[in-house]
Each structure stands twice: as C-alpha cells, then as structure tokens.
Protein backbone atom coordinates (compact mmCIF):
# COMPACT_ATOMS: atom_id res chain seq x y z
CA MET A 1 -2.64 -38.12 14.09
CA GLN A 2 1.31 -39.29 13.79
CA ALA A 3 0.86 -42.00 15.69
CA GLN A 4 4.51 -43.42 16.30
CA ASN A 5 5.28 -39.24 17.04
CA LYS A 6 3.10 -39.08 19.88
CA GLN A 7 6.32 -41.24 21.43
CA ALA A 8 8.44 -39.36 24.14
CA VAL A 9 11.97 -38.25 22.42
CA SER A 10 12.97 -37.99 26.25
CA ASN A 11 14.01 -41.23 28.97
CA SER A 12 11.30 -40.16 31.33
CA LEU A 13 7.90 -39.15 31.80
CA GLU A 14 5.47 -39.07 34.21
CA CYS A 15 2.08 -39.79 33.96
CA ASP A 16 -1.22 -40.58 36.00
CA VAL A 17 -1.79 -44.02 34.29
CA LEU A 18 0.76 -46.70 33.41
CA VAL A 19 -0.99 -49.66 31.60
CA VAL A 20 0.50 -53.05 30.76
CA GLY A 21 -0.87 -54.77 28.03
CA GLY A 22 -1.62 -53.88 24.50
CA GLY A 23 -4.81 -55.96 23.70
CA ILE A 24 -8.49 -55.28 23.76
CA ASN A 25 -8.30 -54.79 27.77
CA GLY A 26 -5.73 -52.90 27.79
CA ALA A 27 -6.30 -50.54 24.72
CA GLY A 28 -9.75 -50.14 25.60
CA ILE A 29 -8.84 -49.03 29.49
CA ALA A 30 -6.22 -46.77 27.78
CA ARG A 31 -8.53 -44.81 25.64
CA ASP A 32 -11.47 -44.46 28.35
CA ALA A 33 -9.13 -43.24 30.80
CA ALA A 34 -7.50 -41.06 27.89
CA GLY A 35 -11.04 -39.52 27.51
CA ARG A 36 -11.50 -38.79 31.48
CA GLY A 37 -8.53 -36.78 30.90
CA LEU A 38 -6.21 -38.64 32.61
CA SER A 39 -2.61 -38.82 31.43
CA VAL A 40 -2.19 -42.41 29.66
CA VAL A 41 1.09 -44.37 28.71
CA LEU A 42 0.25 -47.76 27.32
CA CYS A 43 3.25 -50.04 26.99
CA GLU A 44 2.75 -53.68 25.05
CA GLN A 45 5.85 -56.01 24.85
CA HIS A 46 5.05 -57.10 21.29
CA ASP A 47 2.55 -55.65 18.75
CA LEU A 48 -1.06 -54.40 19.37
CA ALA A 49 -3.63 -57.41 19.51
CA ALA A 50 -0.31 -59.83 18.83
CA HIS A 51 -1.56 -62.66 20.88
CA THR A 52 -5.41 -63.74 22.08
CA SER A 53 -6.99 -60.54 20.63
CA SER A 54 -5.96 -61.46 17.20
CA SER A 55 -6.90 -65.23 17.78
CA SER A 56 -10.79 -64.87 18.87
CA SER A 57 -13.90 -66.27 16.67
CA LYS A 58 -14.06 -63.21 15.82
CA LEU A 59 -17.63 -62.38 17.13
CA ILE A 60 -19.70 -59.50 19.12
CA HIS A 61 -22.11 -62.19 20.46
CA GLY A 62 -23.86 -62.62 23.87
CA GLY A 63 -22.56 -66.22 24.28
CA LEU A 64 -26.21 -68.50 23.62
CA ARG A 65 -24.05 -71.25 24.69
CA TYR A 66 -23.47 -69.73 28.20
CA LEU A 67 -27.29 -69.92 29.32
CA GLU A 68 -26.43 -73.78 29.94
CA HIS A 69 -24.11 -72.62 32.58
CA TYR A 70 -26.36 -70.09 33.87
CA GLU A 71 -24.81 -67.46 33.25
CA PHE A 72 -27.69 -65.02 32.74
CA GLY A 73 -26.05 -61.78 33.77
CA LEU A 74 -22.43 -62.39 32.04
CA VAL A 75 -24.90 -63.03 28.55
CA ARG A 76 -27.39 -59.88 29.53
CA LYS A 77 -24.33 -57.65 30.03
CA ALA A 78 -22.71 -59.10 26.54
CA LEU A 79 -26.18 -58.59 24.53
CA ILE A 80 -26.34 -54.82 25.73
CA GLU A 81 -23.27 -54.51 24.55
CA ARG A 82 -23.41 -56.09 21.16
CA GLU A 83 -25.51 -53.18 19.70
CA VAL A 84 -23.41 -50.54 21.64
CA LEU A 85 -20.24 -51.65 19.72
CA LEU A 86 -22.13 -52.32 16.31
CA ARG A 87 -23.09 -48.33 16.46
CA SER A 88 -19.53 -47.56 17.44
CA ALA A 89 -17.34 -49.25 14.67
CA PRO A 90 -20.05 -50.35 11.74
CA HIS A 91 -17.10 -50.71 9.60
CA ILE A 92 -15.50 -53.84 11.45
CA MET A 93 -17.99 -54.60 12.82
CA TRP A 94 -21.54 -55.84 11.05
CA PRO A 95 -24.78 -58.09 11.83
CA LEU A 96 -24.21 -61.84 11.27
CA ARG A 97 -27.32 -64.80 11.03
CA PHE A 98 -26.24 -67.85 12.55
CA VAL A 99 -27.76 -71.16 11.70
CA MET A 100 -27.76 -74.05 14.25
CA PRO A 101 -28.71 -77.26 12.25
CA HIS A 102 -30.63 -79.66 14.81
CA ASP A 103 -28.84 -82.69 15.61
CA ARG A 104 -31.07 -85.10 16.96
CA GLY A 105 -28.72 -86.57 19.28
CA GLN A 106 -28.14 -83.49 20.73
CA ARG A 107 -29.62 -80.80 22.84
CA PRO A 108 -33.48 -81.27 22.17
CA ALA A 109 -35.03 -78.78 20.20
CA TRP A 110 -37.64 -77.60 23.26
CA LEU A 111 -34.55 -76.64 25.17
CA ILE A 112 -32.88 -74.93 22.00
CA ARG A 113 -36.04 -72.91 21.54
CA LEU A 114 -36.19 -71.69 25.23
CA GLY A 115 -32.75 -70.60 25.30
CA MET A 116 -32.94 -68.60 21.86
CA PHE A 117 -36.25 -67.12 23.47
CA LEU A 118 -33.91 -66.11 26.11
CA TYR A 119 -31.41 -64.86 24.20
CA ASP A 120 -33.88 -62.65 21.97
CA HIS A 121 -35.15 -61.05 25.34
CA LEU A 122 -32.49 -60.69 27.81
CA ALA A 123 -31.37 -57.30 26.46
CA ARG A 124 -33.28 -54.47 24.44
CA ARG A 125 -32.83 -55.10 20.53
CA GLU A 126 -32.84 -52.28 17.66
CA LEU A 127 -30.59 -53.55 15.13
CA LEU A 128 -30.34 -57.18 14.97
CA PRO A 129 -33.74 -59.52 14.13
CA GLY A 130 -35.35 -62.23 16.55
CA SER A 131 -34.65 -65.98 16.01
CA HIS A 132 -36.78 -68.24 14.47
CA GLY A 133 -37.22 -71.92 13.24
CA LEU A 134 -35.82 -72.89 9.86
CA ASN A 135 -36.93 -75.30 7.48
CA LEU A 136 -33.38 -76.62 6.24
CA ARG A 137 -35.31 -78.21 2.72
CA LYS A 138 -36.27 -74.74 1.43
CA HIS A 139 -33.96 -72.44 3.34
CA VAL A 140 -30.42 -71.60 1.39
CA SER A 141 -28.48 -72.42 4.27
CA GLY A 142 -29.68 -76.05 4.02
CA GLY A 143 -27.75 -76.24 0.48
CA PRO A 144 -24.31 -77.50 2.01
CA LEU A 145 -25.49 -79.84 4.73
CA LYS A 146 -25.67 -83.46 5.10
CA SER A 147 -29.41 -84.54 3.83
CA GLU A 148 -30.56 -86.01 6.91
CA PHE A 149 -30.45 -81.97 8.67
CA THR A 150 -33.94 -80.77 7.82
CA ARG A 151 -34.84 -78.72 10.55
CA GLY A 152 -32.65 -75.85 12.36
CA PHE A 153 -33.03 -72.37 14.15
CA VAL A 154 -31.57 -68.93 13.00
CA TYR A 155 -30.72 -66.18 15.23
CA SER A 156 -28.67 -62.90 15.21
CA ASP A 157 -25.12 -61.79 16.34
CA GLY A 158 -22.24 -60.00 15.30
CA TRP A 159 -18.78 -60.15 13.44
CA VAL A 160 -15.77 -57.92 13.89
CA ASP A 161 -12.00 -57.32 13.13
CA ASP A 162 -10.67 -58.29 16.24
CA ALA A 163 -7.07 -56.84 15.70
CA ARG A 164 -8.31 -54.10 14.24
CA LEU A 165 -10.73 -52.73 17.22
CA VAL A 166 -8.00 -53.20 19.10
CA VAL A 167 -6.01 -50.73 16.82
CA LEU A 168 -8.76 -47.90 17.11
CA ASN A 169 -8.76 -48.32 20.62
CA ALA A 170 -5.51 -47.36 21.25
CA MET A 171 -5.66 -44.48 18.22
CA ASP A 172 -8.66 -43.15 19.71
CA ALA A 173 -6.74 -42.93 23.20
CA ALA A 174 -3.62 -41.62 21.19
CA GLU A 175 -5.95 -38.66 19.48
CA ARG A 176 -7.04 -37.87 23.39
CA GLY A 177 -3.68 -37.72 24.46
CA ALA A 178 -2.57 -41.37 25.43
CA GLN A 179 1.30 -42.27 24.75
CA ILE A 180 1.24 -45.99 23.12
CA TYR A 181 4.47 -47.50 23.14
CA THR A 182 4.46 -50.65 21.48
CA ARG A 183 7.38 -53.40 20.82
CA THR A 184 8.11 -52.46 24.70
CA ARG A 185 8.27 -54.64 28.01
CA CYS A 186 7.45 -53.65 31.36
CA ASP A 187 10.63 -55.12 33.25
CA SER A 188 9.93 -53.69 36.56
CA VAL A 189 7.52 -51.80 38.86
CA THR A 190 8.16 -50.28 42.30
CA ARG A 191 6.20 -48.30 44.57
CA GLU A 192 7.76 -45.23 45.74
CA ASN A 193 6.21 -42.27 47.78
CA GLY A 194 2.83 -42.75 46.35
CA TYR A 195 4.09 -43.00 42.87
CA TRP A 196 5.01 -46.44 40.70
CA ASP A 197 8.49 -46.38 39.10
CA ALA A 198 8.27 -48.80 36.06
CA SER A 199 11.27 -49.54 33.95
CA LEU A 200 9.96 -50.18 30.21
CA MET A 201 12.40 -51.58 27.45
CA HIS A 202 11.86 -51.38 23.52
CA GLU A 203 13.14 -54.31 21.81
CA ASN A 204 15.76 -52.06 19.89
CA GLY A 205 17.39 -51.40 23.27
CA ARG A 206 15.94 -48.46 24.35
CA ALA A 207 15.03 -47.73 27.82
CA LEU A 208 12.27 -45.43 29.46
CA GLN A 209 11.70 -44.68 32.76
CA VAL A 210 7.82 -43.64 33.54
CA ARG A 211 6.62 -42.33 37.04
CA ALA A 212 3.43 -43.10 37.23
CA ARG A 213 0.12 -42.66 39.89
CA ALA A 214 -1.33 -45.64 39.42
CA VAL A 215 -0.63 -49.33 37.35
CA VAL A 216 -3.25 -51.01 35.34
CA ASN A 217 -2.02 -54.72 34.57
CA ALA A 218 -4.13 -55.82 31.51
CA ALA A 219 -1.22 -58.37 30.86
CA GLY A 220 -3.66 -61.13 29.65
CA PRO A 221 -2.07 -64.27 29.62
CA TRP A 222 0.72 -62.90 31.50
CA VAL A 223 -1.29 -61.14 34.20
CA ALA A 224 -0.30 -63.08 37.12
CA GLN A 225 3.11 -63.56 35.67
CA PHE A 226 3.14 -59.62 35.84
CA LEU A 227 2.10 -59.58 39.25
CA GLY A 228 4.12 -61.94 40.70
CA GLN A 229 7.52 -61.40 38.84
CA VAL A 230 7.73 -57.52 37.65
CA GLY A 231 5.23 -56.33 40.30
CA HIS A 232 6.08 -58.41 43.39
CA VAL A 233 2.89 -58.22 44.43
CA ARG A 234 0.06 -61.26 45.55
CA SER A 235 -3.50 -61.50 44.64
CA SER A 236 -6.26 -63.50 45.82
CA LYS A 237 -7.43 -64.43 41.73
CA ALA A 238 -5.64 -66.61 39.24
CA VAL A 239 -6.04 -66.98 35.27
CA ARG A 240 -7.08 -70.45 33.86
CA LEU A 241 -5.47 -71.02 30.65
CA VAL A 242 -7.57 -72.10 27.90
CA LYS A 243 -6.28 -72.54 24.20
CA GLY A 244 -8.83 -71.52 21.40
CA SER A 245 -7.95 -72.79 17.95
CA HIS A 246 -9.27 -72.09 14.41
CA ILE A 247 -8.72 -73.25 10.92
CA VAL A 248 -9.32 -71.63 7.28
CA VAL A 249 -10.35 -73.55 4.54
CA LYS A 250 -11.68 -72.48 1.08
CA ARG A 251 -15.21 -71.66 1.06
CA LEU A 252 -17.75 -74.44 1.79
CA PHE A 253 -20.94 -72.43 1.03
CA GLU A 254 -21.70 -69.10 -1.21
CA HIS A 255 -24.49 -67.46 1.17
CA ASP A 256 -23.85 -65.01 3.73
CA HIS A 257 -24.99 -67.11 6.77
CA ALA A 258 -23.07 -68.72 9.82
CA TYR A 259 -23.44 -71.99 11.27
CA ILE A 260 -23.34 -72.85 14.78
CA PHE A 261 -22.42 -77.18 15.14
CA GLN A 262 -23.13 -79.19 18.05
CA SER A 263 -20.09 -81.15 18.95
CA PRO A 264 -21.31 -85.16 20.45
CA ASP A 265 -18.91 -84.02 23.50
CA GLY A 266 -21.05 -81.20 24.27
CA ARG A 267 -18.98 -77.91 22.81
CA ILE A 268 -20.43 -75.86 20.03
CA VAL A 269 -18.14 -75.08 16.85
CA PHE A 270 -18.80 -71.82 14.19
CA ALA A 271 -18.26 -72.11 10.71
CA ILE A 272 -17.99 -68.59 9.01
CA PRO A 273 -18.11 -66.97 6.02
CA TYR A 274 -14.42 -65.24 6.09
CA GLU A 275 -12.97 -62.84 3.88
CA LYS A 276 -14.63 -63.53 0.89
CA ASP A 277 -13.08 -66.80 -0.36
CA PHE A 278 -13.00 -68.81 2.78
CA THR A 279 -14.72 -70.41 5.75
CA LEU A 280 -13.55 -69.98 9.36
CA ILE A 281 -14.05 -73.19 11.88
CA GLY A 282 -13.46 -73.20 15.37
CA THR A 283 -13.17 -72.83 18.17
CA THR A 284 -11.28 -75.96 20.01
CA ASP A 285 -11.37 -75.01 24.44
CA VAL A 286 -8.13 -77.19 25.53
CA GLU A 287 -6.50 -76.44 29.00
CA TYR A 288 -2.95 -74.98 28.03
CA GLN A 289 0.46 -74.70 29.96
CA GLY A 290 3.16 -74.32 27.35
CA ALA A 291 4.68 -70.98 26.58
CA THR A 292 2.11 -68.14 25.81
CA GLU A 293 4.62 -66.30 23.33
CA HIS A 294 4.22 -69.46 20.92
CA VAL A 295 0.89 -70.97 20.73
CA ALA A 296 -0.07 -73.24 17.74
CA ILE A 297 -3.06 -75.32 16.84
CA SER A 298 -2.46 -79.47 17.30
CA ASP A 299 -2.55 -82.07 14.89
CA ALA A 300 -5.73 -83.59 17.37
CA GLU A 301 -7.25 -79.98 17.05
CA ILE A 302 -7.16 -79.85 13.32
CA ARG A 303 -8.67 -83.12 13.00
CA TYR A 304 -11.32 -82.17 15.46
CA LEU A 305 -12.48 -79.35 14.03
CA CYS A 306 -12.50 -81.22 10.49
CA ASP A 307 -14.19 -84.11 11.80
CA LEU A 308 -17.24 -81.55 13.41
CA SER A 309 -17.69 -79.87 9.47
CA ASN A 310 -17.80 -83.16 7.98
CA ARG A 311 -20.92 -84.21 10.37
CA TYR A 312 -22.68 -81.64 9.39
CA PHE A 313 -21.34 -80.29 5.89
CA SER A 314 -21.47 -82.62 2.41
CA LYS A 315 -18.45 -81.04 1.47
CA PHE A 316 -15.68 -83.43 3.28
CA ILE A 317 -12.34 -81.71 4.33
CA THR A 318 -9.40 -83.36 5.49
CA PRO A 319 -6.32 -81.68 7.14
CA THR A 320 -4.65 -81.13 3.84
CA ASP A 321 -7.28 -78.56 2.85
CA VAL A 322 -6.49 -76.18 5.61
CA VAL A 323 -4.76 -73.32 4.06
CA TRP A 324 -3.99 -70.97 7.46
CA SER A 325 -4.50 -71.68 11.14
CA TYR A 326 -4.67 -69.99 14.05
CA ALA A 327 -4.55 -70.24 18.11
CA GLY A 328 -4.64 -67.98 21.08
CA VAL A 329 -4.82 -68.14 24.92
CA ARG A 330 -7.51 -66.80 26.57
CA PRO A 331 -6.63 -65.98 30.00
CA LEU A 332 -10.26 -66.90 31.66
CA LEU A 333 -11.15 -66.23 35.52
CA GLU A 334 -10.45 -69.29 37.51
CA ASP A 335 -13.86 -70.56 38.96
CA ALA A 336 -12.75 -74.23 39.70
CA ALA A 337 -14.94 -75.53 36.43
CA ALA A 338 -14.45 -79.13 35.88
CA ASP A 339 -14.61 -78.53 32.28
CA ALA A 340 -12.72 -76.29 30.15
CA SER A 341 -15.33 -74.87 27.70
CA ALA A 342 -17.38 -74.32 31.01
CA VAL A 343 -14.83 -72.00 32.37
CA THR A 344 -16.51 -68.40 32.93
CA ARG A 345 -15.79 -65.52 30.39
CA ASP A 346 -16.83 -63.09 32.71
CA TYR A 347 -14.01 -60.45 34.19
CA GLN A 348 -12.95 -59.48 37.49
CA LEU A 349 -11.14 -56.60 38.66
CA ASP A 350 -8.79 -57.44 41.52
CA LEU A 351 -7.38 -53.46 43.12
CA ASN A 352 -4.27 -53.69 45.38
CA ALA A 353 -4.43 -49.88 46.95
CA ASP A 354 -1.33 -50.89 49.49
CA GLY A 355 0.18 -47.48 48.72
CA ALA A 356 -0.04 -46.33 44.92
CA PRO A 357 -3.03 -48.09 43.08
CA LEU A 358 -2.49 -51.48 41.00
CA LEU A 359 -5.38 -52.61 39.27
CA SER A 360 -5.09 -56.05 37.21
CA VAL A 361 -7.88 -57.37 35.04
CA PHE A 362 -8.42 -61.02 35.67
CA GLY A 363 -10.79 -62.71 32.32
CA GLY A 364 -13.03 -61.24 30.06
CA LYS A 365 -14.13 -61.31 26.45
CA ILE A 366 -13.80 -59.30 23.50
CA THR A 367 -17.54 -58.52 23.39
CA THR A 368 -17.73 -56.58 27.25
CA PHE A 369 -14.30 -55.26 26.60
CA ARG A 370 -15.55 -51.62 26.53
CA LYS A 371 -17.70 -52.56 29.75
CA LEU A 372 -14.52 -53.72 31.32
CA ALA A 373 -12.44 -50.54 30.45
CA GLN A 374 -14.95 -48.19 31.92
CA ASP A 375 -15.75 -50.35 34.83
CA ALA A 376 -11.73 -50.64 35.23
CA VAL A 377 -11.60 -46.54 34.96
CA ASP A 378 -14.23 -46.30 37.09
CA VAL A 379 -12.24 -47.93 40.04
CA ILE A 380 -9.12 -45.89 38.95
CA ALA A 381 -10.16 -42.43 38.13
CA PRO A 382 -11.49 -41.55 41.76
CA LEU A 383 -8.46 -42.69 43.39
CA LEU A 384 -6.58 -40.25 41.29
CA GLY A 385 -8.82 -37.17 42.21
CA ASN A 386 -10.90 -37.48 38.75
CA ASP A 387 -14.58 -37.24 38.86
CA ARG A 388 -15.58 -37.77 35.06
CA GLY A 389 -18.61 -39.37 34.12
CA ALA A 390 -18.13 -42.80 31.50
CA TRP A 391 -18.58 -41.45 27.88
CA THR A 392 -17.21 -44.66 25.77
CA ALA A 393 -21.47 -46.00 25.61
CA GLY A 394 -22.21 -42.77 22.96
CA ALA A 395 -18.78 -42.38 21.18
CA CYS A 396 -17.56 -44.59 18.18
CA LEU A 397 -14.10 -45.36 17.37
CA PRO A 398 -11.84 -43.42 14.67
CA GLY A 399 -13.51 -44.37 11.26
CA GLY A 400 -16.89 -45.15 12.91
CA ASP A 401 -18.79 -41.92 11.98
CA LEU A 402 -19.86 -42.95 8.57
CA PHE A 403 -22.57 -40.24 8.68
CA ALA A 404 -23.45 -37.46 11.11
CA PRO A 405 -24.97 -36.80 13.89
CA TYR A 406 -23.24 -39.80 16.08
CA PRO A 407 -25.26 -41.90 17.92
CA GLU A 408 -27.54 -43.58 15.20
CA ASN A 409 -28.53 -46.90 13.70
CA ARG A 410 -27.77 -45.36 10.28
CA ALA A 411 -24.08 -46.24 10.03
CA VAL A 412 -24.80 -50.02 10.45
CA ARG A 413 -28.36 -50.33 8.13
CA GLU A 414 -26.61 -48.10 5.38
CA PHE A 415 -23.09 -49.07 4.88
CA ASP A 416 -23.35 -50.25 1.34
CA GLY A 417 -24.47 -46.51 0.79
CA PHE A 418 -21.50 -45.34 2.57
CA VAL A 419 -19.23 -47.45 0.25
CA GLN A 420 -21.48 -45.93 -2.66
CA GLY A 421 -20.64 -42.48 -1.76
CA LEU A 422 -16.56 -43.29 -1.45
CA GLN A 423 -17.34 -44.87 -5.14
CA ARG A 424 -18.27 -41.85 -6.63
CA GLN A 425 -15.80 -39.98 -4.71
CA TYR A 426 -13.09 -41.52 -5.67
CA ASP A 427 -14.41 -43.52 -8.99
CA TRP A 428 -10.12 -43.73 -9.86
CA LEU A 429 -10.01 -46.76 -7.87
CA ALA A 430 -11.14 -49.76 -8.11
CA PRO A 431 -14.12 -50.52 -6.51
CA GLN A 432 -12.97 -53.80 -5.19
CA LEU A 433 -9.82 -51.99 -3.49
CA LEU A 434 -12.29 -49.36 -2.22
CA HIS A 435 -14.62 -51.64 -0.46
CA ARG A 436 -11.59 -53.09 1.27
CA TYR A 437 -10.83 -49.49 2.72
CA ALA A 438 -13.93 -49.00 3.50
CA ARG A 439 -14.48 -52.04 5.63
CA ALA A 440 -10.74 -51.42 7.20
CA TYR A 441 -10.81 -47.75 7.80
CA GLY A 442 -14.53 -46.27 7.62
CA SER A 443 -14.53 -42.68 7.52
CA ARG A 444 -10.43 -42.69 8.07
CA THR A 445 -10.30 -43.70 4.05
CA HIS A 446 -10.52 -39.57 3.34
CA LYS A 447 -7.34 -39.27 5.27
CA LEU A 448 -5.61 -42.27 3.87
CA LEU A 449 -7.12 -40.83 0.28
CA ASP A 450 -6.29 -37.37 0.86
CA GLY A 451 -4.34 -35.86 -1.55
CA ARG A 452 -4.60 -38.25 -3.92
CA ASN A 453 -6.09 -37.91 -7.54
CA ASN A 454 -5.26 -40.86 -9.47
CA GLN A 455 -3.75 -44.38 -9.68
CA GLN A 456 -0.18 -42.97 -9.72
CA ASP A 457 -0.50 -40.91 -6.84
CA MET A 458 -0.97 -44.44 -4.39
CA GLY A 459 2.60 -45.28 -4.92
CA GLU A 460 4.21 -48.59 -5.91
CA GLU A 461 2.08 -51.73 -5.90
CA ILE A 462 4.39 -53.27 -3.39
CA LEU A 463 2.01 -56.46 -3.53
CA ALA A 464 -1.34 -57.01 -5.33
CA GLY A 465 -3.66 -54.70 -4.40
CA LEU A 466 -1.34 -53.21 -1.63
CA TYR A 467 -0.03 -49.81 -2.15
CA ALA A 468 2.89 -47.73 -0.73
CA ALA A 469 0.18 -45.11 0.35
CA GLU A 470 -1.80 -47.74 2.56
CA VAL A 471 1.77 -48.56 3.91
CA ASP A 472 2.65 -45.24 4.86
CA TYR A 473 -0.89 -44.79 6.60
CA LEU A 474 -0.24 -47.81 8.35
CA LEU A 475 3.06 -46.76 9.83
CA ARG A 476 2.34 -43.58 10.30
CA ASN A 477 -0.98 -43.86 12.34
CA GLU A 478 -1.34 -47.31 13.57
CA TRP A 479 1.67 -48.68 14.86
CA ALA A 480 2.50 -51.00 11.66
CA THR A 481 6.25 -51.69 11.70
CA CYS A 482 6.48 -54.81 9.61
CA ALA A 483 5.01 -57.21 7.04
CA ALA A 484 3.43 -59.38 9.56
CA ASP A 485 1.77 -56.46 11.34
CA ILE A 486 0.21 -55.15 8.08
CA LEU A 487 -0.33 -58.43 6.11
CA TRP A 488 -1.64 -60.42 9.62
CA ARG A 489 -3.38 -57.85 11.73
CA ARG A 490 -3.77 -54.37 10.36
CA SER A 491 -5.32 -56.58 7.40
CA LYS A 492 -5.74 -60.24 6.31
CA LEU A 493 -4.24 -59.42 2.96
CA GLY A 494 -1.79 -62.61 4.15
CA LEU A 495 -4.53 -65.05 3.19
CA HIS A 496 -4.83 -63.87 -0.13
CA MET A 497 -0.79 -63.47 -1.12
CA PRO A 498 1.13 -66.19 -2.45
CA SER A 499 4.02 -67.73 -0.57
CA GLY A 500 6.77 -65.20 -0.13
CA SER A 501 4.82 -62.27 -0.22
CA GLU A 502 5.91 -61.50 3.64
CA ALA A 503 9.54 -61.78 2.75
CA LEU A 504 8.81 -58.94 -0.14
CA LEU A 505 6.99 -56.57 1.58
CA ASN A 506 9.58 -56.74 4.98
CA ALA A 507 12.48 -56.19 2.36
CA TRP A 508 10.76 -53.20 0.61
CA LEU A 509 10.16 -51.94 4.10
CA ALA A 510 13.91 -52.53 4.82
CA GLU A 511 14.64 -50.91 1.36
CA HIS A 512 12.71 -47.61 1.68
CA ARG A 513 13.96 -47.56 5.88
CA LEU A 514 10.38 -47.56 6.72
CA SER A 515 10.69 -49.79 9.80
CA ALA A 516 10.71 -49.86 13.87
CA THR A 517 13.81 -47.68 13.86
CA THR A 518 12.00 -45.25 12.50
CA GLN A 519 10.02 -44.26 15.62
C-alpha cells in the first residue's frame, strides 16, 4: 500500500463519510467505517497524532484512580479494551507491571487493596496477572526508592506507543479503501440537498472539494470550534480543556517495572521505563485556555513533577536534568467537576440529524478509542443504509499478526520469539536495529526489508541507526513528510540523536526531493 498514492488526483470527490481529525478517535472511526464498506475520506490539518494523541502517558489502562470518582462503567469498559488492544497490536503494546509504594500520609492501605481488588475483577483477564502486596525491602522495585517506603502494591496495565497506534489505524483504514489527507484543513462544511459539501485545503495551497453523505467531527480540542465556526451548528455538549505534561530524564532505575506515585494534592503521577535509556514522568492536570496549536509544559509543571519524583526516589532530580518534555491538551467532556483531575475521561457522541448527519465526538481516552469508534459507526452506518456489524474487536492492526491465526494470546506472550525469528532470517542486520524494527513495524518488518539482502541494500545511513530504506518506507506507507514526523512521531529516535539531527534529516529529504511536495 502506497499511502500517499491513495490520495485523489482530481480536485473533487464523493464519499459516504468525511472524518475531520487525524487523532486516535478520527483514525479509529475511519478504520471501522472503511471496514464496513463505507467510502471514507479523513482530513487532518497537521500530521497524524500531531497533538493530543502523541502527548499521552502512553498507557493502555483501566484508570485505577477513576474508581475514586465512582466511574465503574468507564473503568470496566477500559479494562475490557485493554486486552482487546494488546492482542491487536502486540508490537506497539505490551503488559507492564506498576508498583505503588504505600505513603502513610496518603490513601490508607485498606482502600488501595479494595481498589485493586475491584480493578482485578471488574473485567475478565487472560493476559495480565492480578495485584498483590509487596515487601519493598526485598523486591527489586524497592531499591531506587527512599528507605522509608517499605511496603507497596503491584498491579498490571499496558504500555502503548500512542502516535504509532494512530498511524496503524490510518494505515488499516487506507488499506480498506479510505483516503487519508494529512496537512489538510477543513475550511467549511455546508449542508446541501441531503449532502455535506466540504472545502479542504492542503498546506501547499491545493484545494479539494468533498461531497459527503455524513460528517464525523473528531477534531479533539477543536471539536467545539469546528461545530461553531466551520459547521455553524449548535450543540448542548462542551469540552473542558485540561493540559497534561510530562518530563523525560535519564534512567532512574534499572528494572522493567513502572511506578505510580501519590501526590499530597490527591493526584497521581507515573514514572515509567522509557526508550531503554530514560524515565518518563507524568502527568499533570492543569486547566488550559490558551492556543491549542502551541501547548508547552510550564516551569511550574516541571518543578511539580521533579518534586514528586524526589518525594519517592532516592536519586534527586532538578529541572536541569530534564532532557525532553511534552504537553498536550485533553478535550474532556465537560461535567462540571471542580477539579481538573476529576473530570470524566468517558466520551459522548452528539448526533445532529437536521439534514445530512453530523456526529461530534466529545471526550474519550486512548484506551477506549476502538469502542468509541465502533459506537460512532454504529450510529452513522444505519443512517447511510449500511447494516454491516462491528468487526474490529477480533482484528489486528497492521503488523500485529505476528503469528497465525488471529486472534490468540501467543503474539503477546511470545514477542521475543518473533524477534528471534526475524534475527535468524535477517542475520545481516544488527540485533538492536532489528529489535527496533520489530517493535515499530511488527510483521510489516518483512515489507520494510523486502528485496534487501545485505547492509548495503539499506541505503545511506542518514543518521545513526536511520537508513534510507526506513525513511522511504515511512514516506510511502505512513504519511511522513518531514524530520519531525519521522524522529518524534513515527519513532522516538529524536530522543537518542544529537542536537541538529532534525535539520540534517530535513536537508537530506530536501536534497533527495522526498518531502510533502512529492505527494
């Protein structure tokens, strides 16, 4: 599949569904709809996962802390999805054990035990072990902690490469017939004779007119703005913008467990092994009212995360230890909660059927994106005369079919065996590089390496560990157009590269005329 070649050559086209927004919800909806036989166009004003969907804590989780707000339905829904998603893409998702040191000044031990009991039993588990207490004096996770933390708890959730999850949904949608337009803004939508007439504009000035039978507004932080300023439609729903920020520091511990820390203000923060050499710490929950295009962590948030890390870890960090940070705005469903951290992470779908259907997505979290997408298409499809049933719960994402048949648990439990098979087949590639390919591309690694039989066939090593063959694959199949797409969203290679690497890669792309202008 040549992703960019899927785009239409004419300046106008017709479709069943126009999806506005290339974050996780929009990409998931496009995939589900295309898989039911609907013709789909998706437009995203920037890159796929350019904003909220690449700025998460990168967890597939039920939301242990949501139990305190009595959101049992949301937690159960997310816990069910947790294992569905792990099976669908075991190359970019994997189980992770979380340690919660018991802080005597915070939630009492009995309450934590009760919460974890509910967490273990609200939904069926096949892949993930349950929770239990820990003696931190004897467990490996106790070593990096301050000596006063002697007791704790451990439970299971999952890790995900959030930006790649979006791209894989878009790839699957495109392979099922959807047309994906990145860096293409929807300037207007107008109801006309039972259709929506939409005007799209690519950043290079190329215009495209789309006639759609239905529109899905999955614009995330821009959902309300799209309704009012582009669609000129009123809605009774509203979003509450809450900024979540993270910091990355050099590795604070050697083992493979993550931590969940309680803050004196009642919030929780994760400390997670990240990209082998680093620790990811986050998130914050801060009310946000600024420009959604330019979101950045504040000095106060950096200090907050450093202070909470120092409350638990014996290794002291300061803001000068932060090697990278990121922030994103979560478009949460407004529920009048006084505290930003208490705002619901559930979603609602708002249908305007005063003519051609317009469905708007309010709220949501990355763990429940597949269920949200299924619910959205369940609403739209019957209005378009489509009665095909839901299908994504039993399907893998591109690269997730490590072993046949699917679905099964083997791919989750035997990922290392898959990597070993790759290393036997491509023994001319460095094991560390091949492991990275396996994690990023899964079974699609064979497509990346198709026709290549030795190191020379990989082409120029543009940056350390980044060869022309991979760049070409990303440009052709994953809508990458520039260095930021490649180094920070399709991968996290930028975290491992010296200063100036992004400029070097952009210069290489320009020299080889491999840029957005070639689409």
